Amino acid sequence: MLLLITYDLKKPGQDYSKLYEAIKSEGWWWHHLDSTWIVKTNNGPEHWYNKLSQHLDANDYIFICELKDNYYGFLPNKAWEWLKDAFNR
């Protein structure tokens, strides 16, 4: 499955490197937009929330959902190629 992980990190100057490493640690990931990741994984949104929430402050926000093969937008060609490949894996 592909999961969309997006967040709003509210604490200026906070070191969120552990959050980024946690996202990169499991699955095949894509990160072309500042606060958005797409991860190819066998684990669902609740698993990912439990994994990532420990790296967030109380005033941060995070949203995780399954991404289906129905999307549209304006991104670099490399991003569209990654998505196509991810859905076909």
PDB file of N, CA and C in Angstrom:
ATOM      1  N   MET A   1       0.838  -1.180   0.000  1.00  0.00           N
ATOM      2  CA  MET A   1       0.000   0.000   0.000  1.00  0.00           C
ATOM      3  C   MET A   1       0.876   1.234   0.000  1.00  0.00           C
ATOM      4  N   LEU A   2       0.338   2.324  -0.530  1.00  0.00           N
ATOM      5  CA  LEU A   2       1.014   3.612  -0.466  1.00  0.00           C
ATOM      6  C   LEU A   2       0.307   4.471   0.566  1.00  0.00           C
ATOM      7  N   LEU A   3       1.097   5.071   1.445  1.00  0.00           N
ATOM      8  CA  LEU A   3       0.544   5.980   2.442  1.00  0.00           C
ATOM      9  C   LEU A   3       1.032   7.391   2.175  1.00  0.00           C
ATOM     10  N   LEU A   4       0.133   8.331   2.326  1.00  0.00           N
ATOM     11  CA  LEU A   4       0.459   9.748   2.278  1.00  0.00           C
ATOM     12  C   LEU A   4       0.648  10.200   3.718  1.00  0.00           C
ATOM     13  N   ILE A   5       1.804  10.757   4.030  1.00  0.00           N
ATOM     14  CA  ILE A   5       2.086  11.284   5.364  1.00  0.00           C
ATOM     15  C   ILE A   5       2.357  12.772   5.195  1.00  0.00           C
ATOM     16  N   THR A   6       1.562  13.567   5.845  1.00  0.00           N
ATOM     17  CA  THR A   6       1.746  15.011   5.765  1.00  0.00           C
ATOM     18  C   THR A   6       1.633  15.596   7.167  1.00  0.00           C
ATOM     19  N   TYR A   7       2.347  16.683   7.414  1.00  0.00           N
ATOM     20  CA  TYR A   7       2.388  17.231   8.768  1.00  0.00           C
ATOM     21  C   TYR A   7       2.553  18.740   8.749  1.00  0.00           C
ATOM     22  N   ASP A   8       2.283  19.332   9.895  1.00  0.00           N
ATOM     23  CA  ASP A   8       2.497  20.754  10.133  1.00  0.00           C
ATOM     24  C   ASP A   8       3.289  20.840  11.426  1.00  0.00           C
ATOM     25  N   LEU A   9       4.569  21.118  11.310  1.00  0.00           N
ATOM     26  CA  LEU A   9       5.456  21.172  12.474  1.00  0.00           C
ATOM     27  C   LEU A   9       5.541  22.612  12.951  1.00  0.00           C
ATOM     28  N   LYS A  10       5.119  22.846  14.183  1.00  0.00           N
ATOM     29  CA  LYS A  10       4.895  24.200  14.679  1.00  0.00           C
ATOM     30  C   LYS A  10       6.056  24.825  15.438  1.00  0.00           C
ATOM     31  N   LYS A  11       7.022  24.047  15.893  1.00  0.00           N
ATOM     32  CA  LYS A  11       8.065  24.593  16.758  1.00  0.00           C
ATOM     33  C   LYS A  11       9.271  25.027  15.924  1.00  0.00           C
ATOM     34  N   PRO A  12       9.474  26.333  15.749  1.00  0.00           N
ATOM     35  CA  PRO A  12      10.609  26.815  14.963  1.00  0.00           C
ATOM     36  C   PRO A  12      11.938  26.370  15.586  1.00  0.00           C
ATOM     37  N   GLY A  13      12.857  25.956  14.745  1.00  0.00           N
ATOM     38  CA  GLY A  13      14.169  25.569  15.230  1.00  0.00           C
ATOM     39  C   GLY A  13      14.253  24.180  15.832  1.00  0.00           C
ATOM     40  N   GLN A  14      13.128  23.491  15.932  1.00  0.00           N
ATOM     41  CA  GLN A  14      13.108  22.134  16.496  1.00  0.00           C
ATOM     42  C   GLN A  14      13.838  21.184  15.548  1.00  0.00           C
ATOM     43  N   ASP A  15      14.579  20.237  16.105  1.00  0.00           N
ATOM     44  CA  ASP A  15      15.280  19.235  15.307  1.00  0.00           C
ATOM     45  C   ASP A  15      14.344  18.052  15.073  1.00  0.00           C
ATOM     46  N   TYR A  16      13.823  17.947  13.860  1.00  0.00           N
ATOM     47  CA  TYR A  16      12.903  16.870  13.510  1.00  0.00           C
ATOM     48  C   TYR A  16      13.607  15.750  12.746  1.00  0.00           C
ATOM     49  N   SER A  17      14.929  15.676  12.838  1.00  0.00           N
ATOM     50  CA  SER A  17      15.663  14.660  12.084  1.00  0.00           C
ATOM     51  C   SER A  17      15.252  13.241  12.472  1.00  0.00           C
ATOM     52  N   LYS A  18      14.881  13.014  13.732  1.00  0.00           N
ATOM     53  CA  LYS A  18      14.439  11.675  14.142  1.00  0.00           C
ATOM     54  C   LYS A  18      13.110  11.308  13.480  1.00  0.00           C
ATOM     55  N   LEU A  19      12.242  12.277  13.271  1.00  0.00           N
ATOM     56  CA  LEU A  19      10.992  12.037  12.554  1.00  0.00           C
ATOM     57  C   LEU A  19      11.296  11.623  11.114  1.00  0.00           C
ATOM     58  N   TYR A  20      12.171  12.360  10.456  1.00  0.00           N
ATOM     59  CA  TYR A  20      12.509  12.052   9.070  1.00  0.00           C
ATOM     60  C   TYR A  20      13.170  10.681   8.959  1.00  0.00           C
ATOM     61  N   GLU A  21      14.054  10.363   9.879  1.00  0.00           N
ATOM     62  CA  GLU A  21      14.717   9.056   9.857  1.00  0.00           C
ATOM     63  C   GLU A  21      13.707   7.927  10.103  1.00  0.00           C
ATOM     64  N   ALA A  22      12.729   8.156  10.971  1.00  0.00           N
ATOM     65  CA  ALA A  22      11.692   7.145  11.227  1.00  0.00           C
ATOM     66  C   ALA A  22      10.873   6.886   9.967  1.00  0.00           C
ATOM     67  N   ILE A  23      10.578   7.923   9.214  1.00  0.00           N
ATOM     68  CA  ILE A  23       9.831   7.749   7.964  1.00  0.00           C
ATOM     69  C   ILE A  23      10.673   6.967   6.960  1.00  0.00           C
ATOM     70  N   LYS A  24      11.937   7.292   6.853  1.00  0.00           N
ATOM     71  CA  LYS A  24      12.828   6.640   5.886  1.00  0.00           C
ATOM     72  C   LYS A  24      13.155   5.191   6.264  1.00  0.00           C
ATOM     73  N   SER A  25      12.965   4.828   7.526  1.00  0.00           N
ATOM     74  CA  SER A  25      13.431   3.530   8.023  1.00  0.00           C
ATOM     75  C   SER A  25      12.589   2.338   7.578  1.00  0.00           C
ATOM     76  N   GLU A  26      11.414   2.595   7.104  1.00  0.00           N
ATOM     77  CA  GLU A  26      10.489   1.494   6.816  1.00  0.00           C
ATOM     78  C   GLU A  26       9.802   1.743   5.489  1.00  0.00           C
ATOM     79  N   GLY A  27      10.075   0.924   4.528  1.00  0.00           N
ATOM     80  CA  GLY A  27       9.422   1.086   3.237  1.00  0.00           C
ATOM     81  C   GLY A  27      10.264   1.876   2.255  1.00  0.00           C
ATOM     82  N   TRP A  28       9.667   2.104   1.123  1.00  0.00           N
ATOM     83  CA  TRP A  28      10.262   2.838   0.011  1.00  0.00           C
ATOM     84  C   TRP A  28       9.573   4.188   0.002  1.00  0.00           C
ATOM     85  N   TRP A  29      10.304   5.294   0.053  1.00  0.00           N
ATOM     86  CA  TRP A  29       9.686   6.604   0.277  1.00  0.00           C
ATOM     87  C   TRP A  29       9.969   7.600  -0.833  1.00  0.00           C
ATOM     88  N   TRP A  30       9.120   8.628  -0.860  1.00  0.00           N
ATOM     89  CA  TRP A  30       9.178   9.740  -1.809  1.00  0.00           C
ATOM     90  C   TRP A  30       8.965  11.012  -1.014  1.00  0.00           C
ATOM     91  N   HIS A  31       9.758  12.054  -1.323  1.00  0.00           N
ATOM     92  CA  HIS A  31       9.649  13.311  -0.562  1.00  0.00           C
ATOM     93  C   HIS A  31      10.029  14.493  -1.449  1.00  0.00           C
ATOM     94  N   HIS A  32       9.087  14.940  -2.291  1.00  0.00           N
ATOM     95  CA  HIS A  32       9.333  16.082  -3.165  1.00  0.00           C
ATOM     96  C   HIS A  32       8.687  17.370  -2.659  1.00  0.00           C
ATOM     97  N   LEU A  33       7.786  17.267  -1.696  1.00  0.00           N
ATOM     98  CA  LEU A  33       7.116  18.440  -1.129  1.00  0.00           C
ATOM     99  C   LEU A  33       7.530  18.568   0.331  1.00  0.00           C
ATOM    100  N   ASP A  34       7.727  19.783   0.807  1.00  0.00           N
ATOM    101  CA  ASP A  34       8.312  20.022   2.120  1.00  0.00           C
ATOM    102  C   ASP A  34       7.701  19.213   3.265  1.00  0.00           C
ATOM    103  N   SER A  35       6.412  19.197   3.388  1.00  0.00           N
ATOM    104  CA  SER A  35       5.753  18.549   4.533  1.00  0.00           C
ATOM    105  C   SER A  35       4.977  17.303   4.139  1.00  0.00           C
ATOM    106  N   THR A  36       5.383  16.677   3.039  1.00  0.00           N
ATOM    107  CA  THR A  36       4.640  15.530   2.522  1.00  0.00           C
ATOM    108  C   THR A  36       5.599  14.408   2.122  1.00  0.00           C
ATOM    109  N   TRP A  37       5.248  13.205   2.533  1.00  0.00           N
ATOM    110  CA  TRP A  37       5.983  12.001   2.152  1.00  0.00           C
ATOM    111  C   TRP A  37       4.972  10.997   1.626  1.00  0.00           C
ATOM    112  N   ILE A  38       5.403  10.134   0.718  1.00  0.00           N
ATOM    113  CA  ILE A  38       4.638   8.967   0.317  1.00  0.00           C
ATOM    114  C   ILE A  38       5.523   7.769   0.586  1.00  0.00           C
ATOM    115  N   VAL A  39       4.959   6.767   1.246  1.00  0.00           N
ATOM    116  CA  VAL A  39       5.728   5.593   1.642  1.00  0.00           C
ATOM    117  C   VAL A  39       5.036   4.335   1.130  1.00  0.00           C
ATOM    118  N   LYS A  40       5.791   3.483   0.468  1.00  0.00           N
ATOM    119  CA  LYS A  40       5.297   2.156   0.064  1.00  0.00           C
ATOM    120  C   LYS A  40       5.596   1.233   1.242  1.00  0.00           C
ATOM    121  N   THR A  41       4.557   0.634   1.829  1.00  0.00           N
ATOM    122  CA  THR A  41       4.714  -0.111   3.069  1.00  0.00           C
ATOM    123  C   THR A  41       3.660  -1.202   3.182  1.00  0.00           C
ATOM    124  N   ASN A  42       3.887  -2.127   4.080  1.00  0.00           N
ATOM    125  CA  ASN A  42       2.888  -3.146   4.407  1.00  0.00           C
ATOM    126  C   ASN A  42       2.102  -2.771   5.656  1.00  0.00           C
ATOM    127  N   ASN A  43       2.459  -1.654   6.279  1.00  0.00           N
ATOM    128  CA  ASN A  43       1.817  -1.232   7.531  1.00  0.00           C
ATOM    129  C   ASN A  43       0.870  -0.067   7.287  1.00  0.00           C
ATOM    130  N   GLY A  44      -0.239  -0.065   8.015  1.00  0.00           N
ATOM    131  CA  GLY A  44      -1.281   0.938   7.823  1.00  0.00           C
ATOM    132  C   GLY A  44      -1.046   2.248   8.564  1.00  0.00           C
ATOM    133  N   PRO A  45      -1.977   3.191   8.388  1.00  0.00           N
ATOM    134  CA  PRO A  45      -1.856   4.514   8.987  1.00  0.00           C
ATOM    135  C   PRO A  45      -1.709   4.497  10.510  1.00  0.00           C
ATOM    136  N   GLU A  46      -2.432   3.628  11.213  1.00  0.00           N
ATOM    137  CA  GLU A  46      -2.330   3.615  12.679  1.00  0.00           C
ATOM    138  C   GLU A  46      -0.925   3.216  13.120  1.00  0.00           C
ATOM    139  N   HIS A  47      -0.347   2.217  12.489  1.00  0.00           N
ATOM    140  CA  HIS A  47       1.030   1.817  12.791  1.00  0.00           C
ATOM    141  C   HIS A  47       1.977   3.008  12.622  1.00  0.00           C
ATOM    142  N   TRP A  48       1.832   3.698  11.485  1.00  0.00           N
ATOM    143  CA  TRP A  48       2.721   4.816  11.209  1.00  0.00           C
ATOM    144  C   TRP A  48       2.502   5.969  12.177  1.00  0.00           C
ATOM    145  N   TYR A  49       1.263   6.245  12.545  1.00  0.00           N
ATOM    146  CA  TYR A  49       1.009   7.302  13.530  1.00  0.00           C
ATOM    147  C   TYR A  49       1.699   6.956  14.847  1.00  0.00           C
ATOM    148  N   ASN A  50       1.527   5.725  15.311  1.00  0.00           N
ATOM    149  CA  ASN A  50       2.155   5.321  16.570  1.00  0.00           C
ATOM    150  C   ASN A  50       3.677   5.426  16.492  1.00  0.00           C
ATOM    151  N   LYS A  51       4.237   5.111  15.358  1.00  0.00           N
ATOM    152  CA  LYS A  51       5.686   5.180  15.167  1.00  0.00           C
ATOM    153  C   LYS A  51       6.197   6.620  15.125  1.00  0.00           C
ATOM    154  N   LEU A  52       5.467   7.486  14.438  1.00  0.00           N
ATOM    155  CA  LEU A  52       5.942   8.850  14.218  1.00  0.00           C
ATOM    156  C   LEU A  52       5.553   9.831  15.308  1.00  0.00           C
ATOM    157  N   SER A  53       4.458   9.599  15.989  1.00  0.00           N
ATOM    158  CA  SER A  53       3.963  10.574  16.970  1.00  0.00           C
ATOM    159  C   SER A  53       4.954  10.818  18.106  1.00  0.00           C
ATOM    160  N   GLN A  54       5.794   9.849  18.404  1.00  0.00           N
ATOM    161  CA  GLN A  54       6.776  10.036  19.470  1.00  0.00           C
ATOM    162  C   GLN A  54       7.845  11.071  19.105  1.00  0.00           C
ATOM    163  N   HIS A  55       7.921  11.447  17.838  1.00  0.00           N
ATOM    164  CA  HIS A  55       8.907  12.425  17.380  1.00  0.00           C
ATOM    165  C   HIS A  55       8.293  13.808  17.157  1.00  0.00           C
ATOM    166  N   LEU A  56       7.035  13.973  17.559  1.00  0.00           N
ATOM    167  CA  LEU A  56       6.328  15.243  17.372  1.00  0.00           C
ATOM    168  C   LEU A  56       6.137  15.943  18.701  1.00  0.00           C
ATOM    169  N   ASP A  57       6.015  17.255  18.649  1.00  0.00           N
ATOM    170  CA  ASP A  57       5.651  18.041  19.829  1.00  0.00           C
ATOM    171  C   ASP A  57       4.129  18.073  19.952  1.00  0.00           C
ATOM    172  N   ALA A  58       3.645  18.449  21.122  1.00  0.00           N
ATOM    173  CA  ALA A  58       2.204  18.454  21.389  1.00  0.00           C
ATOM    174  C   ALA A  58       1.433  19.402  20.470  1.00  0.00           C
ATOM    175  N   ASN A  59       2.092  20.421  19.931  1.00  0.00           N
ATOM    176  CA  ASN A  59       1.387  21.381  19.072  1.00  0.00           C
ATOM    177  C   ASN A  59       1.586  21.098  17.579  1.00  0.00           C
ATOM    178  N   ASP A  60       2.251  19.998  17.223  1.00  0.00           N
ATOM    179  CA  ASP A  60       2.414  19.600  15.827  1.00  0.00           C
ATOM    180  C   ASP A  60       1.171  18.838  15.367  1.00  0.00           C
ATOM    181  N   TYR A  61       0.973  18.803  14.046  1.00  0.00           N
ATOM    182  CA  TYR A  61      -0.133  18.050  13.461  1.00  0.00           C
ATOM    183  C   TYR A  61       0.417  17.062  12.444  1.00  0.00           C
ATOM    184  N   ILE A  62      -0.258  15.916  12.310  1.00  0.00           N
ATOM    185  CA  ILE A  62       0.132  14.921  11.321  1.00  0.00           C
ATOM    186  C   ILE A  62      -1.137  14.251  10.776  1.00  0.00           C
ATOM    187  N   PHE A  63      -1.112  13.928   9.491  1.00  0.00           N
ATOM    188  CA  PHE A  63      -2.237  13.259   8.837  1.00  0.00           C
ATOM    189  C   PHE A  63      -1.657  12.148   7.970  1.00  0.00           C
ATOM    190  N   ILE A  64      -2.201  10.928   8.120  1.00  0.00           N
ATOM    191  CA  ILE A  64      -1.713   9.764   7.379  1.00  0.00           C
ATOM    192  C   ILE A  64      -2.918   9.051   6.779  1.00  0.00           C
ATOM    193  N   CYS A  65      -2.866   8.786   5.467  1.00  0.00           N
ATOM    194  CA  CYS A  65      -3.964   8.068   4.819  1.00  0.00           C
ATOM    195  C   CYS A  65      -3.422   7.228   3.672  1.00  0.00           C
ATOM    196  N   GLU A  66      -4.222   6.246   3.264  1.00  0.00           N
ATOM    197  CA  GLU A  66      -3.834   5.405   2.138  1.00  0.00           C
ATOM    198  C   GLU A  66      -4.068   6.173   0.838  1.00  0.00           C
ATOM    199  N   LEU A  67      -3.101   6.104  -0.041  1.00  0.00           N
ATOM    200  CA  LEU A  67      -3.175   6.780  -1.333  1.00  0.00           C
ATOM    201  C   LEU A  67      -3.602   5.767  -2.389  1.00  0.00           C
ATOM    202  N   LYS A  68      -4.622   6.095  -3.116  1.00  0.00           N
ATOM    203  CA  LYS A  68      -5.131   5.223  -4.179  1.00  0.00           C
ATOM    204  C   LYS A  68      -4.612   5.713  -5.529  1.00  0.00           C
ATOM    205  N   ASP A  69      -4.801   4.901  -6.533  1.00  0.00           N
ATOM    206  CA  ASP A  69      -4.325   5.217  -7.876  1.00  0.00           C
ATOM    207  C   ASP A  69      -5.289   6.170  -8.577  1.00  0.00           C
ATOM    208  N   ASN A  70      -5.535   7.316  -7.963  1.00  0.00           N
ATOM    209  CA  ASN A  70      -6.387   8.348  -8.523  1.00  0.00           C
ATOM    210  C   ASN A  70      -5.879   9.673  -7.970  1.00  0.00           C
ATOM    211  N   TYR A  71      -5.013  10.333  -8.716  1.00  0.00           N
ATOM    212  CA  TYR A  71      -4.356  11.539  -8.238  1.00  0.00           C
ATOM    213  C   TYR A  71      -4.101  12.476  -9.414  1.00  0.00           C
ATOM    214  N   TYR A  72      -3.846  13.723  -9.095  1.00  0.00           N
ATOM    215  CA  TYR A  72      -3.613  14.717 -10.132  1.00  0.00           C
ATOM    216  C   TYR A  72      -2.843  15.871  -9.519  1.00  0.00           C
ATOM    217  N   GLY A  73      -2.048  16.551 -10.289  1.00  0.00           N
ATOM    218  CA  GLY A  73      -1.333  17.714  -9.792  1.00  0.00           C
ATOM    219  C   GLY A  73      -0.232  18.138 -10.735  1.00  0.00           C
ATOM    220  N   PHE A  74       0.638  18.986 -10.233  1.00  0.00           N
ATOM    221  CA  PHE A  74       1.770  19.487 -10.992  1.00  0.00           C
ATOM    222  C   PHE A  74       3.025  19.191 -10.193  1.00  0.00           C
ATOM    223  N   LEU A  75       3.790  18.222 -10.671  1.00  0.00           N
ATOM    224  CA  LEU A  75       5.018  17.783 -10.015  1.00  0.00           C
ATOM    225  C   LEU A  75       6.072  17.525 -11.083  1.00  0.00           C
ATOM    226  N   PRO A  76       7.339  17.409 -10.669  1.00  0.00           N
ATOM    227  CA  PRO A  76       8.381  17.066 -11.640  1.00  0.00           C
ATOM    228  C   PRO A  76       8.122  15.673 -12.239  1.00  0.00           C
ATOM    229  N   ASN A  77       8.588  15.446 -13.446  1.00  0.00           N
ATOM    230  CA  ASN A  77       8.408  14.138 -14.100  1.00  0.00           C
ATOM    231  C   ASN A  77       8.923  13.000 -13.224  1.00  0.00           C
ATOM    232  N   LYS A  78      10.012  13.228 -12.521  1.00  0.00           N
ATOM    233  CA  LYS A  78      10.592  12.219 -11.637  1.00  0.00           C
ATOM    234  C   LYS A  78       9.570  11.754 -10.591  1.00  0.00           C
ATOM    235  N   ALA A  79       8.755  12.669 -10.091  1.00  0.00           N
ATOM    236  CA  ALA A  79       7.725  12.331  -9.096  1.00  0.00           C
ATOM    237  C   ALA A  79       6.646  11.442  -9.706  1.00  0.00           C
ATOM    238  N   TRP A  80       6.189  11.776 -10.905  1.00  0.00           N
ATOM    239  CA  TRP A  80       5.162  10.971 -11.569  1.00  0.00           C
ATOM    240  C   TRP A  80       5.687   9.575 -11.876  1.00  0.00           C
ATOM    241  N   GLU A  81       6.937   9.482 -12.281  1.00  0.00           N
ATOM    242  CA  GLU A  81       7.546   8.182 -12.552  1.00  0.00           C
ATOM    243  C   GLU A  81       7.619   7.339 -11.280  1.00  0.00           C
ATOM    244  N   TRP A  82       7.987   7.975 -10.151  1.00  0.00           N
ATOM    245  CA  TRP A  82       8.055   7.254  -8.881  1.00  0.00           C
ATOM    246  C   TRP A  82       6.681   6.712  -8.506  1.00  0.00           C
ATOM    247  N   LEU A  83       5.652   7.525  -8.611  1.00  0.00           N
ATOM    248  CA  LEU A  83       4.299   7.092  -8.280  1.00  0.00           C
ATOM    249  C   LEU A  83       3.853   5.930  -9.162  1.00  0.00           C
ATOM    250  N   LYS A  84       4.067   6.052 -10.450  1.00  0.00           N
ATOM    251  CA  LYS A  84       3.676   4.975 -11.363  1.00  0.00           C
ATOM    252  C   LYS A  84       4.384   3.681 -10.988  1.00  0.00           C
ATOM    253  N   ASP A  85       5.672   3.771 -10.730  1.00  0.00           N
ATOM    254  CA  ASP A  85       6.451   2.603 -10.349  1.00  0.00           C
ATOM    255  C   ASP A  85       5.965   2.023  -9.012  1.00  0.00           C
ATOM    256  N   ALA A  86       5.674   2.881  -8.063  1.00  0.00           N
ATOM    257  CA  ALA A  86       5.223   2.428  -6.736  1.00  0.00           C
ATOM    258  C   ALA A  86       3.893   1.681  -6.815  1.00  0.00           C
ATOM    259  N   PHE A  87       2.976   2.163  -7.636  1.00  0.00           N
ATOM    260  CA  PHE A  87       1.687   1.475  -7.768  1.00  0.00           C
ATOM    261  C   PHE A  87       1.826   0.148  -8.512  1.00  0.00           C
ATOM    262  N   ASN A  88       2.850   0.027  -9.338  1.00  0.00           N
ATOM    263  CA  ASN A  88       3.047  -1.206 -10.114  1.00  0.00           C
ATOM    264  C   ASN A  88       3.915  -2.241  -9.405  1.00  0.00           C
ATOM    265  N   ARG A  89       4.497  -1.897  -8.287  1.00  0.00           N
ATOM    266  CA  ARG A  89       5.351  -2.842  -7.544  1.00  0.00           C
ATOM    267  C   ARG A  89       4.516  -3.844  -6.811  1.00  0.00           C
TER     268      ARG A  89
END
